[in-house]
PDB file of N, CA and C in Angstrom:
ATOM      1  N   MET A   1       0.843  -1.194   0.000  1.00  0.00           N
ATOM      2  CA  MET A   1       0.000   0.000   0.000  1.00  0.00           C
ATOM      3  C   MET A   1       0.881   1.248   0.000  1.00  0.00           C
ATOM      4  N   ALA A   2       0.496   2.223  -0.778  1.00  0.00           N
ATOM      5  CA  ALA A   2       1.267   3.462  -0.879  1.00  0.00           C
ATOM      6  C   ALA A   2       1.127   4.283   0.397  1.00  0.00           C
ATOM      7  N   LYS A   3       2.187   5.008   0.745  1.00  0.00           N
ATOM      8  CA  LYS A   3       2.171   5.872   1.925  1.00  0.00           C
ATOM      9  C   LYS A   3       1.904   7.307   1.480  1.00  0.00           C
ATOM     10  N   TYR A   4       0.972   7.942   2.129  1.00  0.00           N
ATOM     11  CA  TYR A   4       0.634   9.322   1.817  1.00  0.00           C
ATOM     12  C   TYR A   4       0.900  10.197   3.022  1.00  0.00           C
ATOM     13  N   SER A   5       1.275  11.435   2.787  1.00  0.00           N
ATOM     14  CA  SER A   5       1.534  12.356   3.884  1.00  0.00           C
ATOM     15  C   SER A   5       0.224  12.773   4.541  1.00  0.00           C
ATOM     16  N   GLU A   6       0.344  13.356   5.719  1.00  0.00           N
ATOM     17  CA  GLU A   6      -0.842  13.831   6.448  1.00  0.00           C
ATOM     18  C   GLU A   6      -1.535  14.940   5.658  1.00  0.00           C
ATOM     19  N   LYS A   7      -0.741  15.781   5.005  1.00  0.00           N
ATOM     20  CA  LYS A   7      -1.278  16.881   4.199  1.00  0.00           C
ATOM     21  C   LYS A   7      -2.126  16.338   3.037  1.00  0.00           C
ATOM     22  N   ALA A   8      -1.640  15.244   2.423  1.00  0.00           N
ATOM     23  CA  ALA A   8      -2.383  14.623   1.320  1.00  0.00           C
ATOM     24  C   ALA A   8      -3.699  14.047   1.833  1.00  0.00           C
ATOM     25  N   GLY A   9      -3.655  13.421   2.998  1.00  0.00           N
ATOM     26  CA  GLY A   9      -4.856  12.863   3.602  1.00  0.00           C
ATOM     27  C   GLY A   9      -5.888  13.932   3.904  1.00  0.00           C
ATOM     28  N   ASP A  10      -5.411  15.074   4.390  1.00  0.00           N
ATOM     29  CA  ASP A  10      -6.312  16.197   4.691  1.00  0.00           C
ATOM     30  C   ASP A  10      -6.969  16.718   3.415  1.00  0.00           C
ATOM     31  N   LYS A  11      -6.204  16.774   2.341  1.00  0.00           N
ATOM     32  CA  LYS A  11      -6.722  17.276   1.068  1.00  0.00           C
ATOM     33  C   LYS A  11      -7.796  16.343   0.515  1.00  0.00           C
ATOM     34  N   VAL A  12      -7.568  15.033   0.635  1.00  0.00           N
ATOM     35  CA  VAL A  12      -8.552  14.049   0.169  1.00  0.00           C
ATOM     36  C   VAL A  12      -9.820  14.160   1.013  1.00  0.00           C
ATOM     37  N   LYS A  13      -9.642  14.326   2.312  1.00  0.00           N
ATOM     38  CA  LYS A  13     -10.782  14.475   3.226  1.00  0.00           C
ATOM     39  C   LYS A  13     -11.621  15.695   2.832  1.00  0.00           C
ATOM     40  N   GLU A  14     -10.932  16.771   2.495  1.00  0.00           N
ATOM     41  CA  GLU A  14     -11.585  18.018   2.084  1.00  0.00           C
ATOM     42  C   GLU A  14     -12.386  17.826   0.780  1.00  0.00           C
ATOM     43  N   THR A  15     -11.782  17.152  -0.200  1.00  0.00           N
ATOM     44  CA  THR A  15     -12.471  16.949  -1.479  1.00  0.00           C
ATOM     45  C   THR A  15     -13.653  15.992  -1.329  1.00  0.00           C
ATOM     46  N   MET A  16     -13.520  14.991  -0.454  1.00  0.00           N
ATOM     47  CA  MET A  16     -14.639  14.068  -0.202  1.00  0.00           C
ATOM     48  C   MET A  16     -15.821  14.828   0.398  1.00  0.00           C
ATOM     49  N   HIS A  17     -15.511  15.747   1.301  1.00  0.00           N
ATOM     50  CA  HIS A  17     -16.551  16.568   1.928  1.00  0.00           C
ATOM     51  C   HIS A  17     -17.254  17.424   0.869  1.00  0.00           C
ATOM     52  N   GLU A  18     -16.468  18.020  -0.035  1.00  0.00           N
ATOM     53  CA  GLU A  18     -17.037  18.830  -1.123  1.00  0.00           C
ATOM     54  C   GLU A  18     -17.936  17.979  -2.017  1.00  0.00           C
ATOM     55  N   MET A  19     -17.497  16.742  -2.313  1.00  0.00           N
ATOM     56  CA  MET A  19     -18.283  15.855  -3.171  1.00  0.00           C
ATOM     57  C   MET A  19     -19.624  15.544  -2.507  1.00  0.00           C
ATOM     58  N   LYS A  20     -19.598  15.252  -1.214  1.00  0.00           N
ATOM     59  CA  LYS A  20     -20.825  14.912  -0.506  1.00  0.00           C
ATOM     60  C   LYS A  20     -21.798  16.091  -0.449  1.00  0.00           C
ATOM     61  N   GLU A  21     -21.248  17.313  -0.445  1.00  0.00           N
ATOM     62  CA  GLU A  21     -22.086  18.521  -0.462  1.00  0.00           C
ATOM     63  C   GLU A  21     -22.561  18.859  -1.873  1.00  0.00           C
ATOM     64  N   GLY A  22     -21.967  18.209  -2.883  1.00  0.00           N
ATOM     65  CA  GLY A  22     -22.334  18.465  -4.274  1.00  0.00           C
ATOM     66  C   GLY A  22     -21.627  19.662  -4.876  1.00  0.00           C
ATOM     67  N   LYS A  23     -20.519  20.086  -4.266  1.00  0.00           N
ATOM     68  CA  LYS A  23     -19.791  21.270  -4.737  1.00  0.00           C
ATOM     69  C   LYS A  23     -18.549  20.934  -5.548  1.00  0.00           C
ATOM     70  N   LEU A  24     -18.147  19.663  -5.563  1.00  0.00           N
ATOM     71  CA  LEU A  24     -16.918  19.269  -6.252  1.00  0.00           C
ATOM     72  C   LEU A  24     -17.174  19.102  -7.743  1.00  0.00           C
ATOM     73  N   LYS A  25     -16.350  19.760  -8.552  1.00  0.00           N
ATOM     74  CA  LYS A  25     -16.478  19.701 -10.005  1.00  0.00           C
ATOM     75  C   LYS A  25     -15.202  19.097 -10.602  1.00  0.00           C
ATOM     76  N   SER A  26     -15.362  18.390 -11.704  1.00  0.00           N
ATOM     77  CA  SER A  26     -14.210  17.825 -12.413  1.00  0.00           C
ATOM     78  C   SER A  26     -13.625  18.910 -13.324  1.00  0.00           C
ATOM     79  N   GLY A  27     -12.577  18.556 -14.036  1.00  0.00           N
ATOM     80  CA  GLY A  27     -11.928  19.514 -14.935  1.00  0.00           C
ATOM     81  C   GLY A  27     -12.852  20.043 -16.020  1.00  0.00           C
ATOM     82  N   SER A  28     -13.795  19.207 -16.460  1.00  0.00           N
ATOM     83  CA  SER A  28     -14.722  19.628 -17.513  1.00  0.00           C
ATOM     84  C   SER A  28     -15.887  20.446 -16.958  1.00  0.00           C
ATOM     85  N   GLY A  29     -15.959  20.569 -15.632  1.00  0.00           N
ATOM     86  CA  GLY A  29     -17.011  21.378 -15.025  1.00  0.00           C
ATOM     87  C   GLY A  29     -18.220  20.590 -14.563  1.00  0.00           C
ATOM     88  N   LYS A  30     -18.212  19.265 -14.805  1.00  0.00           N
ATOM     89  CA  LYS A  30     -19.338  18.436 -14.377  1.00  0.00           C
ATOM     90  C   LYS A  30     -19.208  18.076 -12.899  1.00  0.00           C
ATOM     91  N   LYS A  31     -20.352  17.837 -12.259  1.00  0.00           N
ATOM     92  CA  LYS A  31     -20.362  17.477 -10.853  1.00  0.00           C
ATOM     93  C   LYS A  31     -19.780  16.072 -10.657  1.00  0.00           C
ATOM     94  N   VAL A  32     -18.928  15.916  -9.649  1.00  0.00           N
ATOM     95  CA  VAL A  32     -18.313  14.629  -9.344  1.00  0.00           C
ATOM     96  C   VAL A  32     -19.229  13.843  -8.417  1.00  0.00           C
ATOM     97  N   THR A  33     -19.517  12.581  -8.796  1.00  0.00           N
ATOM     98  CA  THR A  33     -20.376  11.740  -7.963  1.00  0.00           C
ATOM     99  C   THR A  33     -19.651  10.474  -7.504  1.00  0.00           C
ATOM    100  N   SER A  34     -18.501  10.177  -8.082  1.00  0.00           N
ATOM    101  CA  SER A  34     -17.748   8.969  -7.764  1.00  0.00           C
ATOM    102  C   SER A  34     -16.730   9.219  -6.653  1.00  0.00           C
ATOM    103  N   LYS A  35     -16.684   8.300  -5.664  1.00  0.00           N
ATOM    104  CA  LYS A  35     -15.706   8.413  -4.579  1.00  0.00           C
ATOM    105  C   LYS A  35     -14.291   8.310  -5.126  1.00  0.00           C
ATOM    106  N   LYS A  36     -14.084   7.390  -6.071  1.00  0.00           N
ATOM    107  CA  LYS A  36     -12.751   7.206  -6.657  1.00  0.00           C
ATOM    108  C   LYS A  36     -12.265   8.468  -7.346  1.00  0.00           C
ATOM    109  N   GLN A  37     -13.174   9.137  -8.052  1.00  0.00           N
ATOM    110  CA  GLN A  37     -12.808  10.365  -8.754  1.00  0.00           C
ATOM    111  C   GLN A  37     -12.479  11.470  -7.755  1.00  0.00           C
ATOM    112  N   ALA A  38     -13.239  11.549  -6.659  1.00  0.00           N
ATOM    113  CA  ALA A  38     -12.991  12.557  -5.627  1.00  0.00           C
ATOM    114  C   ALA A  38     -11.624  12.339  -4.991  1.00  0.00           C
ATOM    115  N   ILE A  39     -11.260  11.081  -4.731  1.00  0.00           N
ATOM    116  CA  ILE A  39      -9.953  10.766  -4.148  1.00  0.00           C
ATOM    117  C   ILE A  39      -8.845  11.150  -5.120  1.00  0.00           C
ATOM    118  N   ALA A  40      -9.037  10.843  -6.396  1.00  0.00           N
ATOM    119  CA  ALA A  40      -8.036  11.177  -7.417  1.00  0.00           C
ATOM    120  C   ALA A  40      -7.823  12.682  -7.504  1.00  0.00           C
ATOM    121  N   ILE A  41      -8.903  13.449  -7.433  1.00  0.00           N
ATOM    122  CA  ILE A  41      -8.807  14.912  -7.476  1.00  0.00           C
ATOM    123  C   ILE A  41      -8.061  15.417  -6.242  1.00  0.00           C
ATOM    124  N   GLY A  42      -8.386  14.858  -5.077  1.00  0.00           N
ATOM    125  CA  GLY A  42      -7.719  15.258  -3.833  1.00  0.00           C
ATOM    126  C   GLY A  42      -6.225  14.989  -3.870  1.00  0.00           C
ATOM    127  N   LEU A  43      -5.826  13.811  -4.368  1.00  0.00           N
ATOM    128  CA  LEU A  43      -4.398  13.479  -4.463  1.00  0.00           C
ATOM    129  C   LEU A  43      -3.696  14.364  -5.477  1.00  0.00           C
ATOM    130  N   SER A  44      -4.372  14.655  -6.571  1.00  0.00           N
ATOM    131  CA  SER A  44      -3.799  15.523  -7.594  1.00  0.00           C
ATOM    132  C   SER A  44      -3.547  16.925  -7.047  1.00  0.00           C
ATOM    133  N   GLU A  45      -4.525  17.457  -6.309  1.00  0.00           N
ATOM    134  CA  GLU A  45      -4.372  18.786  -5.710  1.00  0.00           C
ATOM    135  C   GLU A  45      -3.258  18.780  -4.664  1.00  0.00           C
ATOM    136  N   ALA A  46      -3.169  17.714  -3.878  1.00  0.00           N
ATOM    137  CA  ALA A  46      -2.109  17.603  -2.867  1.00  0.00           C
ATOM    138  C   ALA A  46      -0.741  17.554  -3.540  1.00  0.00           C
ATOM    139  N   ARG A  47      -0.660  16.820  -4.655  1.00  0.00           N
ATOM    140  CA  ARG A  47       0.592  16.721  -5.413  1.00  0.00           C
ATOM    141  C   ARG A  47       1.032  18.096  -5.896  1.00  0.00           C
ATOM    142  N   LYS A  48       0.071  18.897  -6.373  1.00  0.00           N
ATOM    143  CA  LYS A  48       0.373  20.250  -6.850  1.00  0.00           C
ATOM    144  C   LYS A  48       0.865  21.144  -5.730  1.00  0.00           C
ATOM    145  N   GLU A  49       0.382  20.908  -4.505  1.00  0.00           N
ATOM    146  CA  GLU A  49       0.789  21.711  -3.346  1.00  0.00           C
ATOM    147  C   GLU A  49       2.113  21.241  -2.752  1.00  0.00           C
ATOM    148  N   GLY A  50       2.661  20.146  -3.292  1.00  0.00           N
ATOM    149  CA  GLY A  50       3.962  19.673  -2.834  1.00  0.00           C
ATOM    150  C   GLY A  50       3.907  18.633  -1.736  1.00  0.00           C
ATOM    151  N   ALA A  51       2.756  18.032  -1.497  1.00  0.00           N
ATOM    152  CA  ALA A  51       2.634  17.000  -0.468  1.00  0.00           C
ATOM    153  C   ALA A  51       3.289  15.710  -0.958  1.00  0.00           C
ATOM    154  N   LYS A  52       3.631  14.840   0.001  1.00  0.00           N
ATOM    155  CA  LYS A  52       4.252  13.557  -0.348  1.00  0.00           C
ATOM    156  C   LYS A  52       3.175  12.599  -0.849  1.00  0.00           C
ATOM    157  N   VAL A  53       3.123  12.456  -2.166  1.00  0.00           N
ATOM    158  CA  VAL A  53       2.154  11.571  -2.809  1.00  0.00           C
ATOM    159  C   VAL A  53       2.911  10.777  -3.873  1.00  0.00           C
ATOM    160  N   PRO A  54       2.814   9.429  -3.844  1.00  0.00           N
ATOM    161  CA  PRO A  54       3.507   8.643  -4.877  1.00  0.00           C
ATOM    162  C   PRO A  54       3.067   9.029  -6.294  1.00  0.00           C
ATOM    163  N   LYS A  55       3.950   8.807  -7.256  1.00  0.00           N
ATOM    164  CA  LYS A  55       3.673   9.143  -8.645  1.00  0.00           C
ATOM    165  C   LYS A  55       2.515   8.312  -9.191  1.00  0.00           C
ATOM    166  N   LYS A  56       1.839   8.861 -10.206  1.00  0.00           N
ATOM    167  CA  LYS A  56       0.783   8.119 -10.880  1.00  0.00           C
ATOM    168  C   LYS A  56       1.397   6.996 -11.680  1.00  0.00           C
ATOM    169  N   ASP A  57       0.687   5.862 -11.829  1.00  0.00           N
ATOM    170  CA  ASP A  57       1.204   4.735 -12.618  1.00  0.00           C
ATOM    171  C   ASP A  57       0.983   4.969 -14.086  1.00  0.00           C
TER     172      ASP A  57
END
């Protein structure tokens, strides 16, 4: 299992909360309804902020 930093975990938690509220949008502007997609967005945002997140495969 990949190890993620605490900052990355917080970012994923934040995006999951946004998804549940219906405020999370994908790159194309559509509403995100998938948990997997919300996690991917959270990790991507954490990666951009410099958090310790393993590379994409």
